[in-house]
Amino acid sequence: CARTKDSGDILFSIDGSPEACVSTWDKYCLNFDRPAIVPFSPWLS
C-alpha cells in the first residue's frame, strides 16, 4: 500500500475471524509519501 498523509487504519478479517486492525499511517507520513508492505497475518495453514 501507500503510506501517505491521509492514510488510516484498515480493519480485516481472515476466514471469519474477529476483525483486527492495521495502520497504514506512521509519523514519517507527515514528511513524505512512500510504498509499504503491511503484514496482515502470521503464517496460516
ModelCIF file with pLDDT and N, C-alpha, C, O atoms, coordinates in Angstrom:
data_MODEL
#
_entry.id   MODEL 
#
_entity.id                         1 
_entity.type                       polymer 
_entity.pdbx_number_of_molecules   1 
#
_entity_poly.entity_id                      1 
_entity_poly.type                           'polypeptide(L)' 
_entity_poly.nstd_linkage                   no 
_entity_poly.nstd_monomer                   no 
_entity_poly.pdbx_seq_one_letter_code       CARTKDSGDILFSIDGSPEACVSTWDKYCLNFDRPAIVPFSPWLS 
_entity_poly.pdbx_seq_one_letter_code_can   CARTKDSGDILFSIDGSPEACVSTWDKYCLNFDRPAIVPFSPWLS 
_entity_poly.pdbx_strand_id                 A 
#
loop_
_entity_poly_seq.entity_id 
_entity_poly_seq.num 
_entity_poly_seq.mon_id 
_entity_poly_seq.hetero 
1 1  CYS n 
1 2  ALA n 
1 3  ARG n 
1 4  THR n 
1 5  LYS n 
1 6  ASP n 
1 7  SER n 
1 8  GLY n 
1 9  ASP n 
1 10 ILE n 
1 11 LEU n 
1 12 PHE n 
1 13 SER n 
1 14 ILE n 
1 15 ASP n 
1 16 GLY n 
1 17 SER n 
1 18 PRO n 
1 19 GLU n 
1 20 ALA n 
1 21 CYS n 
1 22 VAL n 
1 23 SER n 
1 24 THR n 
1 25 TRP n 
1 26 ASP n 
1 27 LYS n 
1 28 TYR n 
1 29 CYS n 
1 30 LEU n 
1 31 ASN n 
1 32 PHE n 
1 33 ASP n 
1 34 ARG n 
1 35 PRO n 
1 36 ALA n 
1 37 ILE n 
1 38 VAL n 
1 39 PRO n 
1 40 PHE n 
1 41 SER n 
1 42 PRO n 
1 43 TRP n 
1 44 LEU n 
1 45 SER n 
#
_struct_asym.id          A 
_struct_asym.entity_id   1 
#
loop_
_ma_qa_metric.id 
_ma_qa_metric.mode 
_ma_qa_metric.name 
_ma_qa_metric.software_group_id 
_ma_qa_metric.type 
1 global pLDDT . pLDDT 
2 local  pLDDT . pLDDT 
#
_ma_qa_metric_global.metric_id      1 
_ma_qa_metric_global.metric_value   91.33 
_ma_qa_metric_global.model_id       1 
_ma_qa_metric_global.ordinal_id     1 
#
loop_
_ma_qa_metric_local.label_asym_id 
_ma_qa_metric_local.label_comp_id 
_ma_qa_metric_local.label_seq_id 
_ma_qa_metric_local.metric_id 
_ma_qa_metric_local.metric_value 
_ma_qa_metric_local.model_id 
_ma_qa_metric_local.ordinal_id 
A CYS 1  2 91.00 1 1  
A ALA 2  2 91.00 1 2  
A ARG 3  2 93.00 1 3  
A THR 4  2 92.00 1 4  
A LYS 5  2 92.00 1 5  
A ASP 6  2 89.00 1 6  
A SER 7  2 88.00 1 7  
A GLY 8  2 87.00 1 8  
A ASP 9  2 92.00 1 9  
A ILE 10 2 92.00 1 10 
A LEU 11 2 94.00 1 11 
A PHE 12 2 94.00 1 12 
A SER 13 2 95.00 1 13 
A ILE 14 2 95.00 1 14 
A ASP 15 2 95.00 1 15 
A GLY 16 2 94.00 1 16 
A SER 17 2 94.00 1 17 
A PRO 18 2 95.00 1 18 
A GLU 19 2 94.00 1 19 
A ALA 20 2 93.00 1 20 
A CYS 21 2 93.00 1 21 
A VAL 22 2 92.00 1 22 
A SER 23 2 91.00 1 23 
A THR 24 2 91.00 1 24 
A TRP 25 2 91.00 1 25 
A ASP 26 2 91.00 1 26 
A LYS 27 2 93.00 1 27 
A TYR 28 2 94.00 1 28 
A CYS 29 2 93.00 1 29 
A LEU 30 2 94.00 1 30 
A ASN 31 2 95.00 1 31 
A PHE 32 2 92.00 1 32 
A ASP 33 2 93.00 1 33 
A ARG 34 2 93.00 1 34 
A PRO 35 2 92.00 1 35 
A ALA 36 2 92.00 1 36 
A ILE 37 2 91.00 1 37 
A VAL 38 2 90.00 1 38 
A PRO 39 2 89.00 1 39 
A PHE 40 2 86.00 1 40 
A SER 41 2 82.00 1 41 
A PRO 42 2 76.00 1 42 
A TRP 43 2 82.00 1 43 
A LEU 44 2 91.00 1 44 
A SER 45 2 93.00 1 45 
#
loop_
_atom_site.group_PDB 
_atom_site.id 
_atom_site.type_symbol 
_atom_site.label_atom_id 
_atom_site.label_alt_id 
_atom_site.label_comp_id 
_atom_site.label_asym_id 
_atom_site.label_entity_id 
_atom_site.label_seq_id 
_atom_site.pdbx_PDB_ins_code 
_atom_site.Cartn_x 
_atom_site.Cartn_y 
_atom_site.Cartn_z 
_atom_site.occupancy 
_atom_site.B_iso_or_equiv 
_atom_site.pdbx_formal_charge 
_atom_site.auth_seq_id 
_atom_site.auth_comp_id 
_atom_site.auth_asym_id 
_atom_site.auth_atom_id 
_atom_site.pdbx_PDB_model_num 
ATOM 1   N N  . CYS A 1 1  ? 0.832   -1.203  0.000  1.00 91.00 ? 1  CYS A N  1 
ATOM 2   C CA . CYS A 1 1  ? 0.000   0.000   0.000  1.00 91.00 ? 1  CYS A CA 1 
ATOM 3   C C  . CYS A 1 1  ? 0.867   1.255   0.000  1.00 91.00 ? 1  CYS A C  1 
ATOM 4   O O  . CYS A 1 1  ? 2.096   1.192   0.032  1.00 91.00 ? 1  CYS A O  1 
ATOM 5   N N  . ALA A 1 2  ? 0.188   2.385   -0.037 1.00 91.00 ? 2  ALA A N  1 
ATOM 6   C CA . ALA A 1 2  ? 0.870   3.674   0.063  1.00 91.00 ? 2  ALA A CA 1 
ATOM 7   C C  . ALA A 1 2  ? 0.699   4.202   1.479  1.00 91.00 ? 2  ALA A C  1 
ATOM 8   O O  . ALA A 1 2  ? -0.395  4.167   2.042  1.00 91.00 ? 2  ALA A O  1 
ATOM 9   N N  . ARG A 1 3  ? 1.782   4.684   2.038  1.00 93.00 ? 3  ARG A N  1 
ATOM 10  C CA . ARG A 1 3  ? 1.712   5.408   3.312  1.00 93.00 ? 3  ARG A CA 1 
ATOM 11  C C  . ARG A 1 3  ? 1.746   6.887   2.945  1.00 93.00 ? 3  ARG A C  1 
ATOM 12  O O  . ARG A 1 3  ? 2.733   7.378   2.397  1.00 93.00 ? 3  ARG A O  1 
ATOM 13  N N  . THR A 1 4  ? 0.658   7.592   3.251  1.00 92.00 ? 4  THR A N  1 
ATOM 14  C CA . THR A 1 4  ? 0.525   8.997   2.876  1.00 92.00 ? 4  THR A CA 1 
ATOM 15  C C  . THR A 1 4  ? -0.002  9.806   4.055  1.00 92.00 ? 4  THR A C  1 
ATOM 16  O O  . THR A 1 4  ? -0.385  9.244   5.082  1.00 92.00 ? 4  THR A O  1 
ATOM 17  N N  . LYS A 1 5  ? -0.021  11.119  3.905  1.00 92.00 ? 5  LYS A N  1 
ATOM 18  C CA . LYS A 1 5  ? -0.512  11.992  4.980  1.00 92.00 ? 5  LYS A CA 1 
ATOM 19  C C  . LYS A 1 5  ? -1.941  11.670  5.388  1.00 92.00 ? 5  LYS A C  1 
ATOM 20  O O  . LYS A 1 5  ? -2.316  11.852  6.546  1.00 92.00 ? 5  LYS A O  1 
ATOM 21  N N  . ASP A 1 6  ? -2.741  11.192  4.441  1.00 89.00 ? 6  ASP A N  1 
ATOM 22  C CA . ASP A 1 6  ? -4.138  10.896  4.755  1.00 89.00 ? 6  ASP A CA 1 
ATOM 23  C C  . ASP A 1 6  ? -4.422  9.402   4.876  1.00 89.00 ? 6  ASP A C  1 
ATOM 24  O O  . ASP A 1 6  ? -5.576  8.982   4.797  1.00 89.00 ? 6  ASP A O  1 
ATOM 25  N N  . SER A 1 7  ? -3.377  8.597   5.066  1.00 88.00 ? 7  SER A N  1 
ATOM 26  C CA . SER A 1 7  ? -3.568  7.160   5.298  1.00 88.00 ? 7  SER A CA 1 
ATOM 27  C C  . SER A 1 7  ? -4.280  6.939   6.618  1.00 88.00 ? 7  SER A C  1 
ATOM 28  O O  . SER A 1 7  ? -4.313  7.819   7.479  1.00 88.00 ? 7  SER A O  1 
ATOM 29  N N  . GLY A 1 8  ? -4.845  5.763   6.764  1.00 87.00 ? 8  GLY A N  1 
ATOM 30  C CA . GLY A 1 8  ? -5.541  5.477   8.012  1.00 87.00 ? 8  GLY A CA 1 
ATOM 31  C C  . GLY A 1 8  ? -5.435  4.013   8.386  1.00 87.00 ? 8  GLY A C  1 
ATOM 32  O O  . GLY A 1 8  ? -4.474  3.326   8.039  1.00 87.00 ? 8  GLY A O  1 
ATOM 33  N N  . ASP A 1 9  ? -6.451  3.552   9.106  1.00 92.00 ? 9  ASP A N  1 
ATOM 34  C CA . ASP A 1 9  ? -6.482  2.177   9.598  1.00 92.00 ? 9  ASP A CA 1 
ATOM 35  C C  . ASP A 1 9  ? -7.366  1.315   8.715  1.00 92.00 ? 9  ASP A C  1 
ATOM 36  O O  . ASP A 1 9  ? -8.370  1.774   8.170  1.00 92.00 ? 9  ASP A O  1 
ATOM 37  N N  . ILE A 1 10 ? -6.971  0.058   8.587  1.00 92.00 ? 10 ILE A N  1 
ATOM 38  C CA . ILE A 1 10 ? -7.767  -0.923  7.864  1.00 92.00 ? 10 ILE A CA 1 
ATOM 39  C C  . ILE A 1 10 ? -8.119  -2.033  8.844  1.00 92.00 ? 10 ILE A C  1 
ATOM 40  O O  . ILE A 1 10 ? -7.255  -2.581  9.529  1.00 92.00 ? 10 ILE A O  1 
ATOM 41  N N  . LEU A 1 11 ? -9.395  -2.345  8.893  1.00 94.00 ? 11 LEU A N  1 
ATOM 42  C CA . LEU A 1 11 ? -9.875  -3.472  9.686  1.00 94.00 ? 11 LEU A CA 1 
ATOM 43  C C  . LEU A 1 11 ? -9.956  -4.668  8.748  1.00 94.00 ? 11 LEU A C  1 
ATOM 44  O O  . LEU A 1 11 ? -10.356 -4.532  7.592  1.00 94.00 ? 11 LEU A O  1 
ATOM 45  N N  . PHE A 1 12 ? -9.578  -5.831  9.246  1.00 94.00 ? 12 PHE A N  1 
ATOM 46  C CA . PHE A 1 12 ? -9.615  -7.001  8.374  1.00 94.00 ? 12 PHE A CA 1 
ATOM 47  C C  . PHE A 1 12 ? -9.986  -8.252  9.159  1.00 94.00 ? 12 PHE A C  1 
ATOM 48  O O  . PHE A 1 12 ? -9.776  -8.346  10.368 1.00 94.00 ? 12 PHE A O  1 
ATOM 49  N N  . SER A 1 13 ? -10.536 -9.190  8.436  1.00 95.00 ? 13 SER A N  1 
ATOM 50  C CA . SER A 1 13 ? -10.903 -10.485 8.994  1.00 95.00 ? 13 SER A CA 1 
ATOM 51  C C  . SER A 1 13 ? -10.467 -11.558 8.012  1.00 95.00 ? 13 SER A C  1 
ATOM 52  O O  . SER A 1 13 ? -10.707 -11.444 6.810  1.00 95.00 ? 13 SER A O  1 
ATOM 53  N N  . ILE A 1 14 ? -9.829  -12.592 8.522  1.00 95.00 ? 14 ILE A N  1 
ATOM 54  C CA . ILE A 1 14 ? -9.409  -13.720 7.686  1.00 95.00 ? 14 ILE A CA 1 
ATOM 55  C C  . ILE A 1 14 ? -10.209 -14.938 8.112  1.00 95.00 ? 14 ILE A C  1 
ATOM 56  O O  . ILE A 1 14 ? -10.185 -15.334 9.277  1.00 95.00 ? 14 ILE A O  1 
ATOM 57  N N  . ASP A 1 15 ? -10.914 -15.526 7.159  1.00 95.00 ? 15 ASP A N  1 
ATOM 58  C CA . ASP A 1 15 ? -11.712 -16.733 7.395  1.00 95.00 ? 15 ASP A CA 1 
ATOM 59  C C  . ASP A 1 15 ? -12.725 -16.551 8.517  1.00 95.00 ? 15 ASP A C  1 
ATOM 60  O O  . ASP A 1 15 ? -12.954 -17.474 9.298  1.00 95.00 ? 15 ASP A O  1 
ATOM 61  N N  . GLY A 1 16 ? -13.330 -15.381 8.605  1.00 94.00 ? 16 GLY A N  1 
ATOM 62  C CA . GLY A 1 16 ? -14.374 -15.137 9.597  1.00 94.00 ? 16 GLY A CA 1 
ATOM 63  C C  . GLY A 1 16 ? -13.874 -14.846 11.001 1.00 94.00 ? 16 GLY A C  1 
ATOM 64  O O  . GLY A 1 16 ? -14.669 -14.809 11.940 1.00 94.00 ? 16 GLY A O  1 
ATOM 65  N N  . SER A 1 17 ? -12.577 -14.639 11.165 1.00 94.00 ? 17 SER A N  1 
ATOM 66  C CA . SER A 1 17 ? -12.032 -14.331 12.492 1.00 94.00 ? 17 SER A CA 1 
ATOM 67  C C  . SER A 1 17 ? -12.518 -12.950 12.933 1.00 94.00 ? 17 SER A C  1 
ATOM 68  O O  . SER A 1 17 ? -12.983 -12.168 12.104 1.00 94.00 ? 17 SER A O  1 
ATOM 69  N N  . PRO A 1 18 ? -12.415 -12.641 14.230 1.00 95.00 ? 18 PRO A N  1 
ATOM 70  C CA . PRO A 1 18 ? -12.755 -11.280 14.670 1.00 95.00 ? 18 PRO A CA 1 
ATOM 71  C C  . PRO A 1 18 ? -11.879 -10.264 13.932 1.00 95.00 ? 18 PRO A C  1 
ATOM 72  O O  . PRO A 1 18 ? -10.734 -10.553 13.586 1.00 95.00 ? 18 PRO A O  1 
ATOM 73  N N  . GLU A 1 19 ? -12.435 -9.076  13.697 1.00 94.00 ? 19 GLU A N  1 
ATOM 74  C CA . GLU A 1 19 ? -11.674 -8.052  12.983 1.00 94.00 ? 19 GLU A CA 1 
ATOM 75  C C  . GLU A 1 19 ? -10.425 -7.649  13.762 1.00 94.00 ? 19 GLU A C  1 
ATOM 76  O O  . GLU A 1 19 ? -10.448 -7.512  14.985 1.00 94.00 ? 19 GLU A O  1 
ATOM 77  N N  . ALA A 1 20 ? -9.346  -7.465  13.025 1.00 93.00 ? 20 ALA A N  1 
ATOM 78  C CA . ALA A 1 20 ? -8.106  -6.928  13.571 1.00 93.00 ? 20 ALA A CA 1 
ATOM 79  C C  . ALA A 1 20 ? -7.847  -5.612  12.844 1.00 93.00 ? 20 ALA A C  1 
ATOM 80  O O  . ALA A 1 20 ? -8.487  -5.323  11.833 1.00 93.00 ? 20 ALA A O  1 
ATOM 81  N N  . CYS A 1 21 ? -6.923  -4.826  13.350 1.00 93.00 ? 21 CYS A N  1 
ATOM 82  C CA . CYS A 1 21 ? -6.658  -3.507  12.778 1.00 93.00 ? 21 CYS A CA 1 
ATOM 83  C C  . CYS A 1 21 ? -5.182  -3.368  12.442 1.00 93.00 ? 21 CYS A C  1 
ATOM 84  O O  . CYS A 1 21 ? -4.316  -3.738  13.234 1.00 93.00 ? 21 CYS A O  1 
ATOM 85  N N  . VAL A 1 22 ? -4.903  -2.830  11.258 1.00 92.00 ? 22 VAL A N  1 
ATOM 86  C CA . VAL A 1 22 ? -3.539  -2.446  10.890 1.00 92.00 ? 22 VAL A CA 1 
ATOM 87  C C  . VAL A 1 22 ? -3.564  -0.987  10.450 1.00 92.00 ? 22 VAL A C  1 
ATOM 88  O O  . VAL A 1 22 ? -4.536  -0.524  9.853  1.00 92.00 ? 22 VAL A O  1 
ATOM 89  N N  . SER A 1 23 ? -2.506  -0.283  10.746 1.00 91.00 ? 23 SER A N  1 
ATOM 90  C CA . SER A 1 23 ? -2.416  1.119   10.359 1.00 91.00 ? 23 SER A CA 1 
ATOM 91  C C  . SER A 1 23 ? -1.539  1.253   9.124  1.00 91.00 ? 23 SER A C  1 
ATOM 92  O O  . SER A 1 23 ? -0.499  0.605   9.013  1.00 91.00 ? 23 SER A O  1 
ATOM 93  N N  . THR A 1 24 ? -1.966  2.094   8.204  1.00 91.00 ? 24 THR A N  1 
ATOM 94  C CA . THR A 1 24 ? -1.135  2.396   7.040  1.00 91.00 ? 24 THR A CA 1 
ATOM 95  C C  . THR A 1 24 ? -0.481  3.764   7.205  1.00 91.00 ? 24 THR A C  1 
ATOM 96  O O  . THR A 1 24 ? 0.107   4.293   6.261  1.00 91.00 ? 24 THR A O  1 
ATOM 97  N N  . TRP A 1 25 ? -0.582  4.330   8.390  1.00 91.00 ? 25 TRP A N  1 
ATOM 98  C CA . TRP A 1 25 ? -0.017  5.642   8.687  1.00 91.00 ? 25 TRP A CA 1 
ATOM 99  C C  . TRP A 1 25 ? 1.061   5.503   9.753  1.00 91.00 ? 25 TRP A C  1 
ATOM 100 O O  . TRP A 1 25 ? 0.953   4.675   10.657 1.00 91.00 ? 25 TRP A O  1 
ATOM 101 N N  . ASP A 1 26 ? 2.098   6.319   9.637  1.00 91.00 ? 26 ASP A N  1 
ATOM 102 C CA . ASP A 1 26 ? 3.097   6.442   10.698 1.00 91.00 ? 26 ASP A CA 1 
ATOM 103 C C  . ASP A 1 26 ? 3.627   7.881   10.698 1.00 91.00 ? 26 ASP A C  1 
ATOM 104 O O  . ASP A 1 26 ? 3.264   8.673   9.828  1.00 91.00 ? 26 ASP A O  1 
ATOM 105 N N  . LYS A 1 27 ? 4.471   8.216   11.654 1.00 93.00 ? 27 LYS A N  1 
ATOM 106 C CA . LYS A 1 27 ? 4.917   9.602   11.808 1.00 93.00 ? 27 LYS A CA 1 
ATOM 107 C C  . LYS A 1 27 ? 5.686   10.120  10.595 1.00 93.00 ? 27 LYS A C  1 
ATOM 108 O O  . LYS A 1 27 ? 5.735   11.331  10.376 1.00 93.00 ? 27 LYS A O  1 
ATOM 109 N N  . TYR A 1 28 ? 6.284   9.235   9.808  1.00 94.00 ? 28 TYR A N  1 
ATOM 110 C CA . TYR A 1 28 ? 7.038   9.666   8.633  1.00 94.00 ? 28 TYR A CA 1 
ATOM 111 C C  . TYR A 1 28 ? 6.117   10.139  7.515  1.00 94.00 ? 28 TYR A C  1 
ATOM 112 O O  . TYR A 1 28 ? 6.563   10.824  6.595  1.00 94.00 ? 28 TYR A O  1 
ATOM 113 N N  . CYS A 1 29 ? 4.833   9.779   7.585  1.00 93.00 ? 29 CYS A N  1 
ATOM 114 C CA . CYS A 1 29 ? 3.866   10.229  6.581  1.00 93.00 ? 29 CYS A CA 1 
ATOM 115 C C  . CYS A 1 29 ? 3.716   11.746  6.593  1.00 93.00 ? 29 CYS A C  1 
ATOM 116 O O  . CYS A 1 29 ? 3.296   12.329  5.594  1.00 93.00 ? 29 CYS A O  1 
ATOM 117 N N  . LEU A 1 30 ? 4.051   12.394  7.704  1.00 94.00 ? 30 LEU A N  1 
ATOM 118 C CA . LEU A 1 30 ? 3.963   13.850  7.775  1.00 94.00 ? 30 LEU A CA 1 
ATOM 119 C C  . LEU A 1 30 ? 4.957   14.517  6.825  1.00 94.00 ? 30 LEU A C  1 
ATOM 120 O O  . LEU A 1 30 ? 4.749   15.652  6.397  1.00 94.00 ? 30 LEU A O  1 
ATOM 121 N N  . ASN A 1 31 ? 6.035   13.808  6.498  1.00 95.00 ? 31 ASN A N  1 
ATOM 122 C CA . ASN A 1 31 ? 7.092   14.390  5.670  1.00 95.00 ? 31 ASN A CA 1 
ATOM 123 C C  . ASN A 1 31 ? 7.130   13.878  4.234  1.00 95.00 ? 31 ASN A C  1 
ATOM 124 O O  . ASN A 1 31 ? 7.531   14.614  3.331  1.00 95.00 ? 31 ASN A O  1 
ATOM 125 N N  . PHE A 1 32 ? 6.720   12.627  4.005  1.00 92.00 ? 32 PHE A N  1 
ATOM 126 C CA . PHE A 1 32 ? 6.769   12.104  2.640  1.00 92.00 ? 32 PHE A CA 1 
ATOM 127 C C  . PHE A 1 32 ? 5.879   10.873  2.491  1.00 92.00 ? 32 PHE A C  1 
ATOM 128 O O  . PHE A 1 32 ? 5.637   10.130  3.442  1.00 92.00 ? 32 PHE A O  1 
ATOM 129 N N  . ASP A 1 33 ? 5.400   10.688  1.256  1.00 93.00 ? 33 ASP A N  1 
ATOM 130 C CA . ASP A 1 33 ? 4.620   9.501   0.886  1.00 93.00 ? 33 ASP A CA 1 
ATOM 131 C C  . ASP A 1 33 ? 5.584   8.416   0.419  1.00 93.00 ? 33 ASP A C  1 
ATOM 132 O O  . ASP A 1 33 ? 6.665   8.703   -0.095 1.00 93.00 ? 33 ASP A O  1 
ATOM 133 N N  . ARG A 1 34 ? 5.172   7.164   0.609  1.00 93.00 ? 34 ARG A N  1 
ATOM 134 C CA . ARG A 1 34 ? 6.020   6.062   0.150  1.00 93.00 ? 34 ARG A CA 1 
ATOM 135 C C  . ARG A 1 34 ? 5.225   4.764   0.113  1.00 93.00 ? 34 ARG A C  1 
ATOM 136 O O  . ARG A 1 34 ? 4.207   4.641   0.795  1.00 93.00 ? 34 ARG A O  1 
ATOM 137 N N  . PRO A 1 35 ? 5.681   3.797   -0.678 1.00 92.00 ? 35 PRO A N  1 
ATOM 138 C CA . PRO A 1 35 ? 5.036   2.494   -0.665 1.00 92.00 ? 35 PRO A CA 1 
ATOM 139 C C  . PRO A 1 35 ? 5.462   1.723   0.572  1.00 92.00 ? 35 PRO A C  1 
ATOM 140 O O  . PRO A 1 35 ? 6.526   1.979   1.136  1.00 92.00 ? 35 PRO A O  1 
ATOM 141 N N  . ALA A 1 36 ? 4.632   0.779   0.992  1.00 92.00 ? 36 ALA A N  1 
ATOM 142 C CA . ALA A 1 36 ? 4.950   -0.026  2.180  1.00 92.00 ? 36 ALA A CA 1 
ATOM 143 C C  . ALA A 1 36 ? 4.309   -1.397  2.078  1.00 92.00 ? 36 ALA A C  1 
ATOM 144 O O  . ALA A 1 36 ? 3.296   -1.580  1.402  1.00 92.00 ? 36 ALA A O  1 
ATOM 145 N N  . ILE A 1 37 ? 4.902   -2.332  2.745  1.00 91.00 ? 37 ILE A N  1 
ATOM 146 C CA . ILE A 1 37 ? 4.311   -3.662  2.892  1.00 91.00 ? 37 ILE A CA 1 
ATOM 147 C C  . ILE A 1 37 ? 3.846   -3.778  4.337  1.00 91.00 ? 37 ILE A C  1 
ATOM 148 O O  . ILE A 1 37 ? 4.641   -3.646  5.268  1.00 91.00 ? 37 ILE A O  1 
ATOM 149 N N  . VAL A 1 38 ? 2.556   -4.025  4.516  1.00 90.00 ? 38 VAL A N  1 
ATOM 150 C CA . VAL A 1 38 ? 1.953   -4.121  5.848  1.00 90.00 ? 38 VAL A CA 1 
ATOM 151 C C  . VAL A 1 38 ? 1.517   -5.570  6.065  1.00 90.00 ? 38 VAL A C  1 
ATOM 152 O O  . VAL A 1 38 ? 0.651   -6.057  5.338  1.00 90.00 ? 38 VAL A O  1 
ATOM 153 N N  . PRO A 1 39 ? 2.091   -6.273  7.045  1.00 89.00 ? 39 PRO A N  1 
ATOM 154 C CA . PRO A 1 39 ? 1.689   -7.662  7.286  1.00 89.00 ? 39 PRO A CA 1 
ATOM 155 C C  . PRO A 1 39 ? 0.272   -7.742  7.852  1.00 89.00 ? 39 PRO A C  1 
ATOM 156 O O  . PRO A 1 39 ? -0.094  -6.984  8.751  1.00 89.00 ? 39 PRO A O  1 
ATOM 157 N N  . PHE A 1 40 ? -0.512  -8.665  7.317  1.00 86.00 ? 40 PHE A N  1 
ATOM 158 C CA . PHE A 1 40 ? -1.879  -8.878  7.770  1.00 86.00 ? 40 PHE A CA 1 
ATOM 159 C C  . PHE A 1 40 ? -2.026  -10.131 8.623  1.00 86.00 ? 40 PHE A C  1 
ATOM 160 O O  . PHE A 1 40 ? -2.952  -10.228 9.428  1.00 86.00 ? 40 PHE A O  1 
ATOM 161 N N  . SER A 1 41 ? -1.130  -11.080 8.454  1.00 82.00 ? 41 SER A N  1 
ATOM 162 C CA . SER A 1 41 ? -1.352  -12.340 9.163  1.00 82.00 ? 41 SER A CA 1 
ATOM 163 C C  . SER A 1 41 ? -0.033  -12.999 9.514  1.00 82.00 ? 41 SER A C  1 
ATOM 164 O O  . SER A 1 41 ? 0.977   -12.806 8.838  1.00 82.00 ? 41 SER A O  1 
ATOM 165 N N  . PRO A 1 42 ? -0.058  -13.780 10.581 1.00 76.00 ? 42 PRO A N  1 
ATOM 166 C CA . PRO A 1 42 ? 1.058   -14.700 10.797 1.00 76.00 ? 42 PRO A CA 1 
ATOM 167 C C  . PRO A 1 42 ? 0.880   -15.827 9.772  1.00 76.00 ? 42 PRO A C  1 
ATOM 168 O O  . PRO A 1 42 ? -0.028  -15.773 8.942  1.00 76.00 ? 42 PRO A O  1 
ATOM 169 N N  . TRP A 1 43 ? 1.694   -16.784 9.826  1.00 82.00 ? 43 TRP A N  1 
ATOM 170 C CA . TRP A 1 43 ? 1.559   -17.888 8.883  1.00 82.00 ? 43 TRP A CA 1 
ATOM 171 C C  . TRP A 1 43 ? 0.223   -18.589 9.101  1.00 82.00 ? 43 TRP A C  1 
ATOM 172 O O  . TRP A 1 43 ? -0.142  -18.927 10.227 1.00 82.00 ? 43 TRP A O  1 
ATOM 173 N N  . LEU A 1 44 ? -0.485  -18.796 8.020  1.00 91.00 ? 44 LEU A N  1 
ATOM 174 C CA . LEU A 1 44 ? -1.767  -19.501 8.036  1.00 91.00 ? 44 LEU A CA 1 
ATOM 175 C C  . LEU A 1 44 ? -1.542  -20.940 7.606  1.00 91.00 ? 44 LEU A C  1 
ATOM 176 O O  . LEU A 1 44 ? -0.481  -21.272 7.078  1.00 91.00 ? 44 LEU A O  1 
ATOM 177 N N  . SER A 1 45 ? -2.525  -21.793 7.826  1.00 93.00 ? 45 SER A N  1 
ATOM 178 C CA . SER A 1 45 ? -2.419  -23.144 7.289  1.00 93.00 ? 45 SER A CA 1 
ATOM 179 C C  . SER A 1 45 ? -2.496  -23.060 5.765  1.00 93.00 ? 45 SER A C  1 
ATOM 180 O O  . SER A 1 45 ? -2.428  -24.084 5.086  1.00 93.00 ? 45 SER A O  1 
#
